[in-house]
Amino acid sequence: MGLSLELRPGVGETLDSVCGGQVRVLQRIRGYRFTLDPVLLAHFAVFEAGAVRGRVMDLGTGCGIIPLILARRLGLGGLTGLELQPGLFSLAERNVRLNRCEREVSLVRGDLRGVERLFPRGGFSHVLCNPPYRSRAQGRSSTDLEKALARHELTCSLGDVVRSAAYLLRCRGTFCVVYPASRLSELMAVLRAERLEPRTARLVHSRGGRPAKLVLMQAVKGAPSGLTVLPPLVIHANDEQAFSREVSAMVE
């Protein structure tokens, strides 16, 4: 039996797959499209940060890629995705049905800056976020509003994201985020201001011998200080295009 029309790519859309075809995702050609970063974050949260039990929130879920990877590839349930943009929220709804994850994933349309009006305090064991990387003043934003909102801090700042996570998390709950390595000191300062103590970090390098581009960070609400820095994650092997063995295991 074929896919229903709603679950097929429409005009200006593509149907893509990741994690060896276990996760299928409808995306718009000209809108915001997910990158490798949420794939890395989902695997980091489970395998390095221990996000395997309890309710999980994905702030700014976009097309739903992180909850879908957690459900389909990594076997988690109790997943919630929060998304502000109506176009992306609609895609996420279709993607949840496409991947038959209605039991594992629930979606809420809303603004993370107002989470106290949407969810009870301390209702989640884990919060994940792949937030906008660029400040308002950093570079030129995309002329496509969907891309601009996802990439630039136009509707929420890093502080907004971390405050929302702190509100949602129970005591000793974990917050996992992927962020530019160039803003690592800012990230750690904002986390500590909200009593989310950085506990595990992993730097992500495009290739061995090059400076880190990203950092994967786990912070724990109300935990004592003590940061473990894991071995680096290298995206590409010696071949200019091929993924490293570790990354290949995540995407293939």
C-alpha atoms as a PDB file:
ATOM      1  CA  MET A   1       0.000   0.000   0.000  1.00  0.00           C
ATOM      2  CA  GLY A   2       1.413   3.409  -0.960  1.00  0.00           C
ATOM      3  CA  LEU A   3       1.712   6.511   1.184  1.00  0.00           C
ATOM      4  CA  SER A   4      -1.322   8.744   1.576  1.00  0.00           C
ATOM      5  CA  LEU A   5      -1.119  12.001  -0.348  1.00  0.00           C
ATOM      6  CA  GLU A   6      -0.481  13.934   2.874  1.00  0.00           C
ATOM      7  CA  LEU A   7       2.548  11.782   3.631  1.00  0.00           C
ATOM      8  CA  ARG A   8       4.060  12.093   0.186  1.00  0.00           C
ATOM      9  CA  PRO A   9       6.281  15.040  -0.758  1.00  0.00           C
ATOM     10  CA  GLY A  10       4.190  17.845  -2.197  1.00  0.00           C
ATOM     11  CA  VAL A  11       5.225  20.630  -4.538  1.00  0.00           C
ATOM     12  CA  GLY A  12       8.500  22.101  -3.315  1.00  0.00           C
ATOM     13  CA  GLU A  13       9.141  19.261  -0.861  1.00  0.00           C
ATOM     14  CA  THR A  14      11.525  16.325  -0.641  1.00  0.00           C
ATOM     15  CA  LEU A  15      11.351  13.008   1.184  1.00  0.00           C
ATOM     16  CA  ASP A  16      14.733  12.259   2.742  1.00  0.00           C
ATOM     17  CA  SER A  17      16.029   9.506   4.983  1.00  0.00           C
ATOM     18  CA  VAL A  18      18.685   9.160   7.669  1.00  0.00           C
ATOM     19  CA  CYS A  19      19.903   6.452  10.052  1.00  0.00           C
ATOM     20  CA  GLY A  20      20.036   3.812   7.351  1.00  0.00           C
ATOM     21  CA  GLY A  21      16.510   4.619   6.206  1.00  0.00           C
ATOM     22  CA  GLN A  22      14.982   4.071   9.650  1.00  0.00           C
ATOM     23  CA  VAL A  23      13.908   7.721   9.785  1.00  0.00           C
ATOM     24  CA  ARG A  24      12.161   9.373   6.839  1.00  0.00           C
ATOM     25  CA  VAL A  25      11.638  13.116   6.786  1.00  0.00           C
ATOM     26  CA  LEU A  26       9.571  15.441   4.628  1.00  0.00           C
ATOM     27  CA  GLN A  27      11.273  18.796   4.128  1.00  0.00           C
ATOM     28  CA  ARG A  28      10.778  21.876   2.014  1.00  0.00           C
ATOM     29  CA  ILE A  29      13.341  22.526  -0.684  1.00  0.00           C
ATOM     30  CA  ARG A  30      13.575  26.251   0.030  1.00  0.00           C
ATOM     31  CA  GLY A  31      12.786  26.239   3.738  1.00  0.00           C
ATOM     32  CA  TYR A  32      14.930  25.208   6.696  1.00  0.00           C
ATOM     33  CA  ARG A  33      16.458  21.750   6.229  1.00  0.00           C
ATOM     34  CA  PHE A  34      18.070  19.743   9.008  1.00  0.00           C
ATOM     35  CA  THR A  35      21.821  19.189   9.013  1.00  0.00           C
ATOM     36  CA  LEU A  36      24.066  16.597  10.637  1.00  0.00           C
ATOM     37  CA  ASP A  37      24.018  18.507  13.933  1.00  0.00           C
ATOM     38  CA  PRO A  38      20.712  17.119  15.344  1.00  0.00           C
ATOM     39  CA  VAL A  39      21.829  13.598  14.416  1.00  0.00           C
ATOM     40  CA  LEU A  40      24.991  14.084  16.481  1.00  0.00           C
ATOM     41  CA  LEU A  41      23.001  15.612  19.340  1.00  0.00           C
ATOM     42  CA  ALA A  42      20.484  12.761  19.541  1.00  0.00           C
ATOM     43  CA  HIS A  43      23.237  10.133  19.724  1.00  0.00           C
ATOM     44  CA  PHE A  44      25.259  12.196  22.230  1.00  0.00           C
ATOM     45  CA  ALA A  45      22.221  12.568  24.495  1.00  0.00           C
ATOM     46  CA  VAL A  46      21.673   8.818  24.649  1.00  0.00           C
ATOM     47  CA  PHE A  47      25.180   7.362  24.562  1.00  0.00           C
ATOM     48  CA  GLU A  48      27.221  10.035  26.354  1.00  0.00           C
ATOM     49  CA  ALA A  49      24.637  11.855  28.460  1.00  0.00           C
ATOM     50  CA  GLY A  50      22.474   8.896  29.494  1.00  0.00           C
ATOM     51  CA  ALA A  51      19.128  10.253  28.300  1.00  0.00           C
ATOM     52  CA  VAL A  52      17.448   6.852  28.229  1.00  0.00           C
ATOM     53  CA  ARG A  53      14.715   7.043  30.900  1.00  0.00           C
ATOM     54  CA  GLY A  54      12.031   9.595  31.652  1.00  0.00           C
ATOM     55  CA  ARG A  55      10.223  12.208  29.612  1.00  0.00           C
ATOM     56  CA  VAL A  56      12.224  14.037  26.945  1.00  0.00           C
ATOM     57  CA  MET A  57      11.598  17.515  25.490  1.00  0.00           C
ATOM     58  CA  ASP A  58      13.050  18.808  22.211  1.00  0.00           C
ATOM     59  CA  LEU A  59      12.932  22.609  22.166  1.00  0.00           C
ATOM     60  CA  GLY A  60      12.454  23.991  18.658  1.00  0.00           C
ATOM     61  CA  THR A  61      11.886  20.599  17.079  1.00  0.00           C
ATOM     62  CA  GLY A  62      11.609  21.894  13.507  1.00  0.00           C
ATOM     63  CA  CYS A  63      10.538  19.057  11.233  1.00  0.00           C
ATOM     64  CA  GLY A  64      10.743  16.668  14.217  1.00  0.00           C
ATOM     65  CA  ILE A  65      14.092  15.125  13.333  1.00  0.00           C
ATOM     66  CA  ILE A  66      15.444  14.718  16.891  1.00  0.00           C
ATOM     67  CA  PRO A  67      12.386  12.989  18.438  1.00  0.00           C
ATOM     68  CA  LEU A  68      12.128  10.759  15.368  1.00  0.00           C
ATOM     69  CA  ILE A  69      15.754   9.625  15.667  1.00  0.00           C
ATOM     70  CA  LEU A  70      15.288   9.046  19.398  1.00  0.00           C
ATOM     71  CA  ALA A  71      12.156   6.987  18.762  1.00  0.00           C
ATOM     72  CA  ARG A  72      12.956   5.076  15.575  1.00  0.00           C
ATOM     73  CA  ARG A  73      16.706   4.585  15.835  1.00  0.00           C
ATOM     74  CA  LEU A  74      17.355   4.684  19.562  1.00  0.00           C
ATOM     75  CA  GLY A  75      14.147   3.178  20.941  1.00  0.00           C
ATOM     76  CA  LEU A  76      12.975   5.960  23.267  1.00  0.00           C
ATOM     77  CA  GLY A  77       9.420   6.940  24.128  1.00  0.00           C
ATOM     78  CA  GLY A  78       7.839   9.749  26.120  1.00  0.00           C
ATOM     79  CA  LEU A  79       9.085  12.338  23.616  1.00  0.00           C
ATOM     80  CA  THR A  80       7.685  15.850  23.142  1.00  0.00           C
ATOM     81  CA  GLY A  81       8.627  18.357  20.457  1.00  0.00           C
ATOM     82  CA  LEU A  82       7.904  22.076  20.844  1.00  0.00           C
ATOM     83  CA  GLU A  83       7.867  24.227  17.694  1.00  0.00           C
ATOM     84  CA  LEU A  84       6.944  27.858  17.110  1.00  0.00           C
ATOM     85  CA  GLN A  85       6.746  28.096  13.318  1.00  0.00           C
ATOM     86  CA  PRO A  86       3.442  26.808  11.874  1.00  0.00           C
ATOM     87  CA  GLY A  87       5.018  25.534   8.640  1.00  0.00           C
ATOM     88  CA  LEU A  88       7.619  23.460  10.442  1.00  0.00           C
ATOM     89  CA  PHE A  89       5.062  22.272  12.988  1.00  0.00           C
ATOM     90  CA  SER A  90       2.880  20.981  10.142  1.00  0.00           C
ATOM     91  CA  LEU A  91       5.853  19.134   8.664  1.00  0.00           C
ATOM     92  CA  ALA A  92       6.657  17.626  12.056  1.00  0.00           C
ATOM     93  CA  GLU A  93       3.080  16.357  12.405  1.00  0.00           C
ATOM     94  CA  ARG A  94       3.270  14.701   9.003  1.00  0.00           C
ATOM     95  CA  ASN A  95       6.686  13.225   9.785  1.00  0.00           C
ATOM     96  CA  VAL A  96       5.482  11.709  13.047  1.00  0.00           C
ATOM     97  CA  ARG A  97       2.681   9.960  11.153  1.00  0.00           C
ATOM     98  CA  LEU A  98       5.003   9.014   8.295  1.00  0.00           C
ATOM     99  CA  ASN A  99       7.317   7.248  10.759  1.00  0.00           C
ATOM    100  CA  ARG A 100       4.420   5.751  12.753  1.00  0.00           C
ATOM    101  CA  CYS A 101       5.618   7.383  15.958  1.00  0.00           C
ATOM    102  CA  GLU A 102       2.296   8.699  17.245  1.00  0.00           C
ATOM    103  CA  ARG A 103       2.665   6.723  20.488  1.00  0.00           C
ATOM    104  CA  GLU A 104       6.241   7.799  21.142  1.00  0.00           C
ATOM    105  CA  VAL A 105       6.155  11.441  20.019  1.00  0.00           C
ATOM    106  CA  SER A 106       3.734  14.236  20.883  1.00  0.00           C
ATOM    107  CA  LEU A 107       3.993  17.719  19.394  1.00  0.00           C
ATOM    108  CA  VAL A 108       3.061  21.096  20.851  1.00  0.00           C
ATOM    109  CA  ARG A 109       2.983  24.343  18.914  1.00  0.00           C
ATOM    110  CA  GLY A 110       4.224  27.225  21.022  1.00  0.00           C
ATOM    111  CA  ASP A 111       6.989  29.621  21.998  1.00  0.00           C
ATOM    112  CA  LEU A 112       9.753  28.274  24.227  1.00  0.00           C
ATOM    113  CA  ARG A 113       9.895  31.678  25.902  1.00  0.00           C
ATOM    114  CA  GLY A 114       6.473  30.890  27.376  1.00  0.00           C
ATOM    115  CA  VAL A 115       6.958  27.274  28.482  1.00  0.00           C
ATOM    116  CA  GLU A 116       5.439  28.017  31.894  1.00  0.00           C
ATOM    117  CA  ARG A 117       2.085  28.474  30.146  1.00  0.00           C
ATOM    118  CA  LEU A 118       2.421  25.166  28.322  1.00  0.00           C
ATOM    119  CA  PHE A 119       4.053  22.679  30.703  1.00  0.00           C
ATOM    120  CA  PRO A 120       4.417  22.123  34.450  1.00  0.00           C
ATOM    121  CA  ARG A 121       7.687  23.027  36.133  1.00  0.00           C
ATOM    122  CA  GLY A 122      10.078  20.098  36.427  1.00  0.00           C
ATOM    123  CA  GLY A 123       8.009  17.836  34.200  1.00  0.00           C
ATOM    124  CA  PHE A 124      10.889  16.443  32.119  1.00  0.00           C
ATOM    125  CA  SER A 125      13.953  14.324  32.830  1.00  0.00           C
ATOM    126  CA  HIS A 126      15.820  15.478  29.716  1.00  0.00           C
ATOM    127  CA  VAL A 127      15.710  18.517  27.452  1.00  0.00           C
ATOM    128  CA  LEU A 128      17.487  18.686  24.092  1.00  0.00           C
ATOM    129  CA  CYS A 129      17.965  21.667  21.806  1.00  0.00           C
ATOM    130  CA  ASN A 130      19.688  22.485  18.526  1.00  0.00           C
ATOM    131  CA  PRO A 131      19.238  26.265  18.924  1.00  0.00           C
ATOM    132  CA  PRO A 132      19.961  29.138  16.534  1.00  0.00           C
ATOM    133  CA  TYR A 133      23.731  29.542  16.365  1.00  0.00           C
ATOM    134  CA  ARG A 134      24.060  33.169  15.300  1.00  0.00           C
ATOM    135  CA  SER A 135      23.274  36.290  17.254  1.00  0.00           C
ATOM    136  CA  ARG A 136      21.220  39.060  15.677  1.00  0.00           C
ATOM    137  CA  ALA A 137      24.383  41.008  14.933  1.00  0.00           C
ATOM    138  CA  GLN A 138      26.369  38.080  13.549  1.00  0.00           C
ATOM    139  CA  GLY A 139      26.319  37.923   9.787  1.00  0.00           C
ATOM    140  CA  ARG A 140      23.473  38.451   7.372  1.00  0.00           C
ATOM    141  CA  SER A 141      20.338  36.456   8.022  1.00  0.00           C
ATOM    142  CA  SER A 142      18.617  34.457   5.291  1.00  0.00           C
ATOM    143  CA  THR A 143      15.924  36.136   3.240  1.00  0.00           C
ATOM    144  CA  ASP A 144      13.837  32.998   3.852  1.00  0.00           C
ATOM    145  CA  LEU A 145      12.079  33.627   7.182  1.00  0.00           C
ATOM    146  CA  GLU A 146      11.950  29.941   8.116  1.00  0.00           C
ATOM    147  CA  LYS A 147      15.715  29.608   7.686  1.00  0.00           C
ATOM    148  CA  ALA A 148      16.414  32.931   9.389  1.00  0.00           C
ATOM    149  CA  LEU A 149      14.410  32.035  12.506  1.00  0.00           C
ATOM    150  CA  ALA A 150      16.129  28.646  12.768  1.00  0.00           C
ATOM    151  CA  ARG A 151      19.656  30.004  12.317  1.00  0.00           C
ATOM    152  CA  HIS A 152      19.615  33.448  13.966  1.00  0.00           C
ATOM    153  CA  GLU A 153      18.500  34.551  17.422  1.00  0.00           C
ATOM    154  CA  LEU A 154      15.538  36.501  16.061  1.00  0.00           C
ATOM    155  CA  THR A 155      12.798  35.059  18.278  1.00  0.00           C
ATOM    156  CA  CYS A 156      14.873  33.553  21.097  1.00  0.00           C
ATOM    157  CA  SER A 157      18.328  33.980  22.557  1.00  0.00           C
ATOM    158  CA  LEU A 158      20.615  31.398  24.132  1.00  0.00           C
ATOM    159  CA  GLY A 159      19.471  32.720  27.497  1.00  0.00           C
ATOM    160  CA  ASP A 160      15.829  32.092  26.566  1.00  0.00           C
ATOM    161  CA  VAL A 161      16.618  28.499  25.583  1.00  0.00           C
ATOM    162  CA  VAL A 162      18.546  27.759  28.785  1.00  0.00           C
ATOM    163  CA  ARG A 163      15.925  29.387  31.028  1.00  0.00           C
ATOM    164  CA  SER A 164      13.238  27.286  29.375  1.00  0.00           C
ATOM    165  CA  ALA A 165      15.280  24.119  29.855  1.00  0.00           C
ATOM    166  CA  ALA A 166      15.886  24.955  33.523  1.00  0.00           C
ATOM    167  CA  TYR A 167      12.145  25.431  34.078  1.00  0.00           C
ATOM    168  CA  LEU A 168      11.225  22.153  32.369  1.00  0.00           C
ATOM    169  CA  LEU A 169      13.833  19.950  34.050  1.00  0.00           C
ATOM    170  CA  ARG A 170      13.428  18.089  37.303  1.00  0.00           C
ATOM    171  CA  CYS A 171      16.286  18.240  39.821  1.00  0.00           C
ATOM    172  CA  ARG A 172      19.273  16.350  38.379  1.00  0.00           C
ATOM    173  CA  GLY A 173      17.635  16.366  34.972  1.00  0.00           C
ATOM    174  CA  THR A 174      19.914  16.792  31.954  1.00  0.00           C
ATOM    175  CA  PHE A 175      20.070  19.432  29.246  1.00  0.00           C
ATOM    176  CA  CYS A 176      21.877  18.499  26.027  1.00  0.00           C
ATOM    177  CA  VAL A 177      22.737  21.088  23.402  1.00  0.00           C
ATOM    178  CA  VAL A 178      24.876  21.409  20.275  1.00  0.00           C
ATOM    179  CA  TYR A 179      26.445  24.844  19.846  1.00  0.00           C
ATOM    180  CA  PRO A 180      29.312  26.597  18.038  1.00  0.00           C
ATOM    181  CA  ALA A 181      32.655  25.960  19.732  1.00  0.00           C
ATOM    182  CA  SER A 182      33.435  29.656  19.280  1.00  0.00           C
ATOM    183  CA  ARG A 183      30.638  30.460  21.776  1.00  0.00           C
ATOM    184  CA  LEU A 184      31.602  27.814  24.343  1.00  0.00           C
ATOM    185  CA  SER A 185      32.528  30.278  27.097  1.00  0.00           C
ATOM    186  CA  GLU A 186      29.206  32.089  26.625  1.00  0.00           C
ATOM    187  CA  LEU A 187      27.320  28.796  26.719  1.00  0.00           C
ATOM    188  CA  MET A 188      28.931  27.708  29.990  1.00  0.00           C
ATOM    189  CA  ALA A 189      28.273  31.085  31.620  1.00  0.00           C
ATOM    190  CA  VAL A 190      24.586  31.057  30.654  1.00  0.00           C
ATOM    191  CA  LEU A 191      24.167  27.446  31.812  1.00  0.00           C
ATOM    192  CA  ARG A 192      25.660  28.180  35.230  1.00  0.00           C
ATOM    193  CA  ALA A 193      23.535  31.301  35.630  1.00  0.00           C
ATOM    194  CA  GLU A 194      20.476  29.010  35.492  1.00  0.00           C
ATOM    195  CA  ARG A 195      21.986  26.348  37.809  1.00  0.00           C
ATOM    196  CA  LEU A 196      22.583  23.948  34.942  1.00  0.00           C
ATOM    197  CA  GLU A 197      26.077  22.684  35.639  1.00  0.00           C
ATOM    198  CA  PRO A 198      28.187  21.634  32.609  1.00  0.00           C
ATOM    199  CA  ARG A 199      29.113  18.000  33.203  1.00  0.00           C
ATOM    200  CA  THR A 200      30.046  16.407  29.862  1.00  0.00           C
ATOM    201  CA  ALA A 201      31.434  18.051  26.734  1.00  0.00           C
ATOM    202  CA  ARG A 202      32.608  16.741  23.398  1.00  0.00           C
ATOM    203  CA  LEU A 203      34.216  18.924  20.750  1.00  0.00           C
ATOM    204  CA  VAL A 204      33.286  18.254  17.129  1.00  0.00           C
ATOM    205  CA  HIS A 205      35.901  18.690  14.388  1.00  0.00           C
ATOM    206  CA  SER A 206      35.232  18.639  10.668  1.00  0.00           C
ATOM    207  CA  ARG A 207      38.535  16.801  10.173  1.00  0.00           C
ATOM    208  CA  GLY A 208      41.402  15.695  12.369  1.00  0.00           C
ATOM    209  CA  GLY A 209      43.961  18.418  13.012  1.00  0.00           C
ATOM    210  CA  ARG A 210      41.495  21.255  12.443  1.00  0.00           C
ATOM    211  CA  PRO A 211      39.933  23.520  15.089  1.00  0.00           C
ATOM    212  CA  ALA A 212      36.651  22.412  16.604  1.00  0.00           C
ATOM    213  CA  LYS A 213      33.513  23.741  14.930  1.00  0.00           C
ATOM    214  CA  LEU A 214      30.898  22.597  17.446  1.00  0.00           C
ATOM    215  CA  VAL A 215      30.557  21.439  21.010  1.00  0.00           C
ATOM    216  CA  LEU A 216      28.118  18.848  22.317  1.00  0.00           C
ATOM    217  CA  MET A 217      27.325  19.731  25.923  1.00  0.00           C
ATOM    218  CA  GLN A 218      25.438  18.018  28.717  1.00  0.00           C
ATOM    219  CA  ALA A 219      24.491  20.091  31.761  1.00  0.00           C
ATOM    220  CA  VAL A 220      22.754  18.766  34.876  1.00  0.00           C
ATOM    221  CA  LYS A 221      20.281  20.780  36.936  1.00  0.00           C
ATOM    222  CA  GLY A 222      21.541  21.374  40.451  1.00  0.00           C
ATOM    223  CA  ALA A 223      24.627  19.188  40.080  1.00  0.00           C
ATOM    224  CA  PRO A 224      28.026  19.903  41.659  1.00  0.00           C
ATOM    225  CA  SER A 225      30.817  21.181  39.434  1.00  0.00           C
ATOM    226  CA  GLY A 226      33.064  18.762  37.588  1.00  0.00           C
ATOM    227  CA  LEU A 227      33.348  18.687  33.797  1.00  0.00           C
ATOM    228  CA  THR A 228      34.380  15.626  31.791  1.00  0.00           C
ATOM    229  CA  VAL A 229      35.737  16.418  28.322  1.00  0.00           C
ATOM    230  CA  LEU A 230      35.360  13.392  26.070  1.00  0.00           C
ATOM    231  CA  PRO A 231      37.641  12.511  23.150  1.00  0.00           C
ATOM    232  CA  PRO A 232      36.873  14.641  20.071  1.00  0.00           C
ATOM    233  CA  LEU A 233      34.334  13.622  17.461  1.00  0.00           C
ATOM    234  CA  VAL A 234      35.731  13.878  13.928  1.00  0.00           C
ATOM    235  CA  ILE A 235      33.169  14.177  11.133  1.00  0.00           C
ATOM    236  CA  HIS A 236      35.206  13.303   8.060  1.00  0.00           C
ATOM    237  CA  ALA A 237      37.862  10.637   7.608  1.00  0.00           C
ATOM    238  CA  ASN A 238      41.024  11.144   5.573  1.00  0.00           C
ATOM    239  CA  ASP A 239      38.923  11.048   2.440  1.00  0.00           C
ATOM    240  CA  GLU A 240      37.660  14.594   1.884  1.00  0.00           C
ATOM    241  CA  GLN A 241      34.034  13.498   1.538  1.00  0.00           C
ATOM    242  CA  ALA A 242      33.641  10.263   3.489  1.00  0.00           C
ATOM    243  CA  PHE A 243      32.321  10.300   7.026  1.00  0.00           C
ATOM    244  CA  SER A 244      34.430   8.861   9.818  1.00  0.00           C
ATOM    245  CA  ARG A 245      33.515   5.391  11.033  1.00  0.00           C
ATOM    246  CA  GLU A 246      31.759   6.756  14.121  1.00  0.00           C
ATOM    247  CA  VAL A 247      29.628   9.243  12.188  1.00  0.00           C
ATOM    248  CA  SER A 248      28.859   6.689   9.493  1.00  0.00           C
ATOM    249  CA  ALA A 249      27.400   4.417  12.167  1.00  0.00           C
ATOM    250  CA  MET A 250      24.993   7.206  13.130  1.00  0.00           C
ATOM    251  CA  VAL A 251      23.763   8.174   9.672  1.00  0.00           C
ATOM    252  CA  GLU A 252      23.928   4.908   7.716  1.00  0.00           C
END
